[in-house]
Amino acid sequence: MVDYSPAPLDRVFQALSDPTRRAILSRLSRGGATVGEVAEPFATSLNAVSKHLMVLERAGLLRRRVEGREHHLTLDPEPLQDAAKWIAYYRGFWERRLDALDALLTGGDHPKPRTQHAGPRKSRRPRRR
């Protein structure tokens, strides 16, 4: 299993769960911007966008630099690495499972999935003799 800190990973997934926040991250992936520039394409209030920015900041996905009255934002993609590792682990898990299912259904000669378990499995069916 991938080692990760649950609280920061939870904050990243929470931040990514909203389409407005994903759009903000997409905008910032093209370069830094002021809060006003980030808020411009949205049909919501500046206050609503600021709340989205706070969620992104708590997740560590953006950095804010204040110059006078302007707040400049930049993307910090580093927290996404733990999320990507978590997703990659489970992608591999499900790919192995689906390969095994494919082999079972098609009679193919696919390698058995490598799963981690605590010990020998108990059979649910009695053995035929």
Protein backbone atom coordinates (compact mmCIF):
# COMPACT_ATOMS: atom_id res chain seq x y z
CA MET A 1 0.00 0.00 0.00
CA VAL A 2 1.14 3.52 -0.69
CA ASP A 3 2.20 5.49 2.39
CA TYR A 4 0.41 8.80 2.68
CA SER A 5 -0.85 11.16 5.32
CA PRO A 6 -4.64 10.85 5.43
CA ALA A 7 -5.48 14.45 6.39
CA PRO A 8 -3.50 16.17 3.61
CA LEU A 9 -4.68 13.61 1.05
CA ASP A 10 -8.27 14.11 2.19
CA ARG A 11 -7.90 17.87 1.74
CA VAL A 12 -6.52 17.39 -1.79
CA PHE A 13 -9.41 15.12 -2.82
CA GLN A 14 -11.91 17.49 -1.21
CA ALA A 15 -10.39 20.39 -3.15
CA LEU A 16 -10.52 18.42 -6.40
CA SER A 17 -14.14 17.38 -5.86
CA ASP A 18 -15.54 20.71 -7.02
CA PRO A 19 -15.60 21.70 -10.72
CA THR A 20 -14.99 25.38 -9.93
CA ARG A 21 -11.85 24.53 -7.98
CA ARG A 22 -10.66 22.22 -10.78
CA ALA A 23 -11.21 25.08 -13.23
CA ILE A 24 -9.19 27.42 -10.99
CA LEU A 25 -6.34 24.90 -10.88
CA SER A 26 -6.53 24.53 -14.65
CA ARG A 27 -6.25 28.30 -15.04
CA LEU A 28 -3.30 28.47 -12.64
CA SER A 29 -1.55 25.61 -14.47
CA ARG A 30 -1.08 28.06 -17.36
CA GLY A 31 0.61 30.61 -15.09
CA GLY A 32 0.10 32.80 -12.06
CA ALA A 33 -2.81 35.21 -11.81
CA THR A 34 -4.40 37.70 -9.45
CA VAL A 35 -7.56 36.79 -7.55
CA GLY A 36 -9.54 39.08 -9.85
CA GLU A 37 -8.17 37.38 -12.96
CA VAL A 38 -9.01 33.97 -11.56
CA ALA A 39 -12.54 35.08 -10.59
CA GLU A 40 -13.31 36.79 -13.92
CA PRO A 41 -14.70 33.82 -15.91
CA PHE A 42 -17.03 32.65 -13.13
CA ALA A 43 -20.62 33.82 -12.75
CA THR A 44 -20.28 33.84 -8.97
CA SER A 45 -19.32 36.55 -6.52
CA LEU A 46 -15.72 37.36 -5.65
CA ASN A 47 -16.55 36.19 -2.12
CA ALA A 48 -17.60 32.74 -3.44
CA VAL A 49 -14.39 32.44 -5.46
CA SER A 50 -12.38 33.46 -2.39
CA LYS A 51 -13.94 30.58 -0.46
CA HIS A 52 -12.84 28.18 -3.21
CA LEU A 53 -9.35 29.67 -3.04
CA MET A 54 -9.21 29.06 0.71
CA VAL A 55 -10.04 25.38 0.19
CA LEU A 56 -7.28 25.14 -2.42
CA GLU A 57 -4.83 26.90 -0.09
CA ARG A 58 -5.66 24.57 2.82
CA ALA A 59 -4.97 21.63 0.50
CA GLY A 60 -1.61 23.22 -0.37
CA LEU A 61 -2.50 23.41 -4.06
CA LEU A 62 -1.93 27.12 -4.47
CA ARG A 63 0.36 29.78 -3.10
CA ARG A 64 -0.68 33.35 -2.43
CA ARG A 65 1.66 36.35 -2.54
CA VAL A 66 0.33 39.74 -1.47
CA GLU A 67 1.64 42.90 -3.11
CA GLY A 68 -0.18 45.93 -1.80
CA ARG A 69 -3.87 45.25 -2.40
CA GLU A 70 -3.32 42.56 -5.02
CA HIS A 71 -3.18 38.89 -4.20
CA HIS A 72 -1.12 36.88 -6.71
CA LEU A 73 -1.81 33.16 -6.96
CA THR A 74 0.35 30.35 -8.30
CA LEU A 75 -0.25 26.63 -8.56
CA ASP A 76 1.67 24.29 -6.27
CA PRO A 77 1.26 20.81 -7.81
CA GLU A 78 3.31 18.96 -5.16
CA PRO A 79 0.29 17.76 -3.08
CA LEU A 80 -1.11 16.17 -6.23
CA GLN A 81 1.80 13.69 -6.19
CA ASP A 82 0.44 11.82 -3.17
CA ALA A 83 -3.01 11.72 -4.76
CA ALA A 84 -1.48 10.41 -8.00
CA LYS A 85 0.40 7.69 -6.08
CA TRP A 86 -2.78 6.67 -4.29
CA ILE A 87 -4.69 6.48 -7.57
CA ALA A 88 -1.85 4.58 -9.29
CA TYR A 89 -1.81 1.97 -6.52
CA TYR A 90 -5.51 1.29 -6.92
CA ARG A 91 -5.28 1.39 -10.71
CA GLY A 92 -2.73 -1.42 -10.52
CA PHE A 93 -4.90 -3.30 -8.03
CA TRP A 94 -7.94 -3.17 -10.33
CA GLU A 95 -5.94 -3.92 -13.48
CA ARG A 96 -4.62 -7.11 -11.85
CA ARG A 97 -8.14 -8.06 -10.81
CA LEU A 98 -9.55 -7.39 -14.27
CA ASP A 99 -6.70 -9.34 -15.92
CA ALA A 100 -7.52 -12.30 -13.69
CA LEU A 101 -11.21 -12.02 -14.56
CA ASP A 102 -10.36 -11.82 -18.26
CA ALA A 103 -8.21 -14.95 -17.96
CA LEU A 104 -11.01 -16.75 -16.16
CA LEU A 105 -13.65 -15.77 -18.71
CA THR A 106 -11.57 -16.35 -21.83
CA GLY A 107 -9.55 -19.29 -20.63
CA GLY A 108 -6.43 -17.31 -21.45
CA ASP A 109 -3.05 -17.87 -19.89
CA HIS A 110 -2.69 -14.60 -18.01
CA PRO A 111 -0.49 -14.50 -14.93
CA LYS A 112 -2.34 -14.74 -11.64
CA PRO A 113 -2.77 -11.40 -9.91
CA ARG A 114 -0.31 -10.61 -7.16
CA THR A 115 -2.38 -9.67 -4.15
CA GLN A 116 -1.29 -9.19 -0.63
CA HIS A 117 -3.16 -11.15 1.98
CA ALA A 118 -2.59 -12.11 5.57
CA GLY A 119 -2.32 -15.87 5.05
CA PRO A 120 -3.88 -18.86 3.39
CA ARG A 121 -7.43 -18.41 2.27
CA LYS A 122 -10.14 -20.69 3.54
CA SER A 123 -12.19 -22.32 0.84
CA ARG A 124 -15.91 -21.64 0.92
CA ARG A 125 -16.68 -24.88 -0.90
CA PRO A 126 -15.80 -28.35 0.27
CA ARG A 127 -13.14 -30.09 -1.82
CA ARG A 128 -14.19 -32.86 -4.14
CA ARG A 129 -12.40 -36.15 -3.65
